[in-house]
C-alpha atoms as a PDB file:
ATOM      1  CA  MET A   1       3.594  -0.394  17.437  1.00  0.00           C
ATOM      2  CA  SER A   2       4.481  -1.955  13.825  1.00  0.00           C
ATOM      3  CA  GLU A   3       5.219  -5.614  13.896  1.00  0.00           C
ATOM      4  CA  HIS A   4       8.279  -4.687  11.571  1.00  0.00           C
ATOM      5  CA  PRO A   5      10.806  -1.776  11.838  1.00  0.00           C
ATOM      6  CA  PRO A   6      10.842   0.171   8.817  1.00  0.00           C
ATOM      7  CA  ARG A   7      12.490  -1.244   5.796  1.00  0.00           C
ATOM      8  CA  LEU A   8      14.754   0.784   3.649  1.00  0.00           C
ATOM      9  CA  VAL A   9      14.843  -0.608   0.106  1.00  0.00           C
ATOM     10  CA  PHE A  10      18.053   0.103  -1.971  1.00  0.00           C
ATOM     11  CA  ASP A  11      20.170  -0.902  -5.193  1.00  0.00           C
ATOM     12  CA  ASP A  12      22.071  -3.799  -3.793  1.00  0.00           C
ATOM     13  CA  ASP A  13      24.183  -3.790  -6.888  1.00  0.00           C
ATOM     14  CA  CYS A  14      25.609  -0.285  -6.142  1.00  0.00           C
ATOM     15  CA  GLY A  15      28.437   0.343  -3.620  1.00  0.00           C
ATOM     16  CA  PHE A  16      27.593   3.590  -2.628  1.00  0.00           C
ATOM     17  CA  CYS A  17      23.934   2.738  -1.942  1.00  0.00           C
ATOM     18  CA  THR A  18      25.258  -0.463  -0.184  1.00  0.00           C
ATOM     19  CA  TRP A  19      27.122   1.893   1.893  1.00  0.00           C
ATOM     20  CA  CYS A  20      24.321   4.110   2.767  1.00  0.00           C
ATOM     21  CA  ALA A  21      22.007   1.159   3.692  1.00  0.00           C
ATOM     22  CA  HIS A  22      24.719  -0.456   5.916  1.00  0.00           C
ATOM     23  CA  PHE A  23      24.902   3.187   7.623  1.00  0.00           C
ATOM     24  CA  ALA A  24      21.182   3.224   8.216  1.00  0.00           C
ATOM     25  CA  GLU A  25      21.129  -0.560   9.825  1.00  0.00           C
ATOM     26  CA  ARG A  26      24.353   0.549  12.079  1.00  0.00           C
ATOM     27  CA  HIS A  27      22.508   3.270  13.376  1.00  0.00           C
ATOM     28  CA  GLY A  28      19.033   2.316  14.169  1.00  0.00           C
ATOM     29  CA  ASP A  29      16.869  -0.607  13.865  1.00  0.00           C
ATOM     30  CA  VAL A  30      16.006  -0.020  10.203  1.00  0.00           C
ATOM     31  CA  GLU A  31      15.856  -3.426   8.239  1.00  0.00           C
ATOM     32  CA  ILE A  32      17.510  -3.199   4.844  1.00  0.00           C
ATOM     33  CA  VAL A  33      16.353  -4.951   1.599  1.00  0.00           C
ATOM     34  CA  GLY A  34      18.050  -4.921  -1.510  1.00  0.00           C
ATOM     35  CA  PHE A  35      16.171  -4.791  -4.915  1.00  0.00           C
ATOM     36  CA  SER A  36      17.273  -8.346  -5.389  1.00  0.00           C
ATOM     37  CA  GLU A  37      15.620  -9.435  -2.280  1.00  0.00           C
ATOM     38  CA  LEU A  38      12.477  -8.153  -2.505  1.00  0.00           C
ATOM     39  CA  SER A  39       9.499 -10.161  -1.735  1.00  0.00           C
ATOM     40  CA  PRO A  40       6.329  -9.974  -3.711  1.00  0.00           C
ATOM     41  CA  ASP A  41       4.456  -8.177  -1.049  1.00  0.00           C
ATOM     42  CA  GLN A  42       7.092  -5.622  -0.697  1.00  0.00           C
ATOM     43  CA  LEU A  43       7.248  -5.286  -4.597  1.00  0.00           C
ATOM     44  CA  ALA A  44       3.571  -4.684  -4.662  1.00  0.00           C
ATOM     45  CA  ARG A  45       3.792  -1.669  -2.232  1.00  0.00           C
ATOM     46  CA  LEU A  46       6.555   0.071  -4.505  1.00  0.00           C
ATOM     47  CA  PRO A  47       6.104   2.163  -7.303  1.00  0.00           C
ATOM     48  CA  ALA A  48       6.384   0.692 -11.140  1.00  0.00           C
ATOM     49  CA  ASP A  49       9.792   2.563 -11.432  1.00  0.00           C
ATOM     50  CA  TYR A  50      11.145   1.521  -8.013  1.00  0.00           C
ATOM     51  CA  GLU A  51      14.362   0.800  -9.277  1.00  0.00           C
ATOM     52  CA  ARG A  52      15.147   4.584  -9.945  1.00  0.00           C
ATOM     53  CA  SER A  53      15.503   5.392  -5.949  1.00  0.00           C
ATOM     54  CA  ALA A  54      15.408   4.323  -2.703  1.00  0.00           C
ATOM     55  CA  HIS A  55      12.379   3.679  -0.491  1.00  0.00           C
ATOM     56  CA  LEU A  56      11.114   3.508   3.131  1.00  0.00           C
ATOM     57  CA  LEU A  57       8.408   1.012   3.840  1.00  0.00           C
ATOM     58  CA  THR A  58       6.678   1.706   7.108  1.00  0.00           C
ATOM     59  CA  ALA A  59       3.661  -0.104   8.317  1.00  0.00           C
ATOM     60  CA  ASP A  60       1.256   2.579   6.788  1.00  0.00           C
ATOM     61  CA  ALA A  61       3.277   4.669   3.877  1.00  0.00           C
ATOM     62  CA  VAL A  62       5.786   4.347   1.321  1.00  0.00           C
ATOM     63  CA  TYR A  63       8.382   7.175   0.979  1.00  0.00           C
ATOM     64  CA  SER A  64      10.749   7.330  -2.187  1.00  0.00           C
ATOM     65  CA  GLY A  65      13.853   9.180  -2.988  1.00  0.00           C
ATOM     66  CA  GLY A  66      14.845  12.151  -0.682  1.00  0.00           C
ATOM     67  CA  ALA A  67      11.777  11.511   1.484  1.00  0.00           C
ATOM     68  CA  ALA A  68      12.953   7.915   2.272  1.00  0.00           C
ATOM     69  CA  ILE A  69      16.537   8.978   3.244  1.00  0.00           C
ATOM     70  CA  GLU A  70      14.924  12.157   5.353  1.00  0.00           C
ATOM     71  CA  ARG A  71      12.412   9.528   7.130  1.00  0.00           C
ATOM     72  CA  THR A  72      15.320   6.942   7.589  1.00  0.00           C
ATOM     73  CA  LEU A  73      17.497   9.647   9.210  1.00  0.00           C
ATOM     74  CA  ALA A  74      14.723  10.951  11.501  1.00  0.00           C
ATOM     75  CA  HIS A  75      14.051   7.404  12.478  1.00  0.00           C
ATOM     76  CA  ASP A  76      17.624   6.560  13.399  1.00  0.00           C
ATOM     77  CA  PHE A  77      18.500  10.039  14.966  1.00  0.00           C
ATOM     78  CA  PRO A  78      15.044  11.306  16.487  1.00  0.00           C
ATOM     79  CA  VAL A  79      16.701  14.401  17.379  1.00  0.00           C
ATOM     80  CA  LEU A  80      16.566  15.207  13.686  1.00  0.00           C
ATOM     81  CA  GLU A  81      12.571  15.022  13.473  1.00  0.00           C
ATOM     82  CA  PRO A  82      11.932  18.391  14.765  1.00  0.00           C
ATOM     83  CA  ILE A  83      14.369  19.950  12.405  1.00  0.00           C
ATOM     84  CA  PHE A  84      12.678  17.888   9.374  1.00  0.00           C
ATOM     85  CA  ALA A  85       9.253  18.719  10.354  1.00  0.00           C
ATOM     86  CA  VAL A  86      10.141  22.508  10.489  1.00  0.00           C
ATOM     87  CA  LEU A  87      12.120  22.305   6.996  1.00  0.00           C
ATOM     88  CA  ARG A  88       8.879  20.497   5.521  1.00  0.00           C
ATOM     89  CA  GLU A  89       6.950  23.661   6.021  1.00  0.00           C
ATOM     90  CA  VAL A  90       9.624  25.801   4.095  1.00  0.00           C
ATOM     91  CA  PRO A  91       8.322  26.604   0.802  1.00  0.00           C
ATOM     92  CA  GLY A  92      10.602  24.730  -1.674  1.00  0.00           C
ATOM     93  CA  TYR A  93      12.302  22.168   0.694  1.00  0.00           C
ATOM     94  CA  GLU A  94      10.810  19.126  -0.787  1.00  0.00           C
ATOM     95  CA  ASN A  95      11.947  20.223  -4.077  1.00  0.00           C
ATOM     96  CA  LEU A  96      15.545  20.969  -3.026  1.00  0.00           C
ATOM     97  CA  ARG A  97      15.581  17.518  -1.070  1.00  0.00           C
ATOM     98  CA  GLU A  98      14.591  15.658  -4.137  1.00  0.00           C
ATOM     99  CA  ARG A  99      16.975  17.459  -6.484  1.00  0.00           C
ATOM    100  CA  LEU A 100      19.841  16.931  -3.828  1.00  0.00           C
ATOM    101  CA  TYR A 101      18.828  13.162  -3.753  1.00  0.00           C
ATOM    102  CA  ARG A 102      18.340  12.777  -7.653  1.00  0.00           C
ATOM    103  CA  TRP A 103      22.013  14.326  -7.768  1.00  0.00           C
ATOM    104  CA  GLY A 104      23.578  11.883  -5.577  1.00  0.00           C
ATOM    105  CA  ALA A 105      21.624   9.029  -7.353  1.00  0.00           C
ATOM    106  CA  ASN A 106      22.974  10.243 -10.562  1.00  0.00           C
ATOM    107  CA  ASN A 107      26.371  10.525  -9.211  1.00  0.00           C
ATOM    108  CA  ARG A 108      26.755   7.077  -7.262  1.00  0.00           C
ATOM    109  CA  ASP A 109      29.736   6.403  -9.358  1.00  0.00           C
ATOM    110  CA  LEU A 110      31.566   9.394  -8.167  1.00  0.00           C
ATOM    111  CA  LEU A 111      30.318   9.203  -4.583  1.00  0.00           C
ATOM    112  CA  GLY A 112      31.054   5.418  -4.496  1.00  0.00           C
ATOM    113  CA  LYS A 113      34.961   6.251  -4.752  1.00  0.00           C
ATOM    114  CA  ILE A 114      34.767   8.050  -1.406  1.00  0.00           C
ATOM    115  CA  VAL A 115      32.591   5.554   0.332  1.00  0.00           C
ATOM    116  CA  ARG A 116      31.285   2.238  -0.578  1.00  0.00           C
ATOM    117  CA  ASP A 117      30.681  -1.391   0.467  1.00  0.00           C
ATOM    118  CA  GLU A 118      30.687  -4.586  -1.315  1.00  0.00           C
ATOM    119  CA  PRO A 119      27.012  -4.770  -2.942  1.00  0.00           C
ATOM    120  CA  PRO A 120      25.413  -7.905  -1.695  1.00  0.00           C
ATOM    121  CA  ALA A 121      24.055  -8.726  -5.347  1.00  0.00           C
ATOM    122  CA  ARG A 122      27.583  -8.984  -6.562  1.00  0.00           C
ATOM    123  CA  ARG A 123      28.710 -11.537  -4.303  1.00  0.00           C
END
């Protein structure tokens, strides 16, 4: 068993991203870490362009973008893992997942008008 639960790394200067991170935190044992709170060890595990997307840090892997969100949802809602496992076998699924993630990331201002929380980095 891992010493720490998975850590969802997110843009803590974005209201929509903060809402998403709080959703994950409320529904499971995922720890959330904003970009402004990253430790040197956590930062060393992330890609150089880490500020382009969310990331999920587990004991043995780093998932980024849509994969991070998928793995977080599967962790918080275990009933979804078999569904995601099947989807990962479908040709084109990963590409679609990442395109949907990128659409959401590129439209955070619009989505933040629907759901948002006060970003910790702005407090």
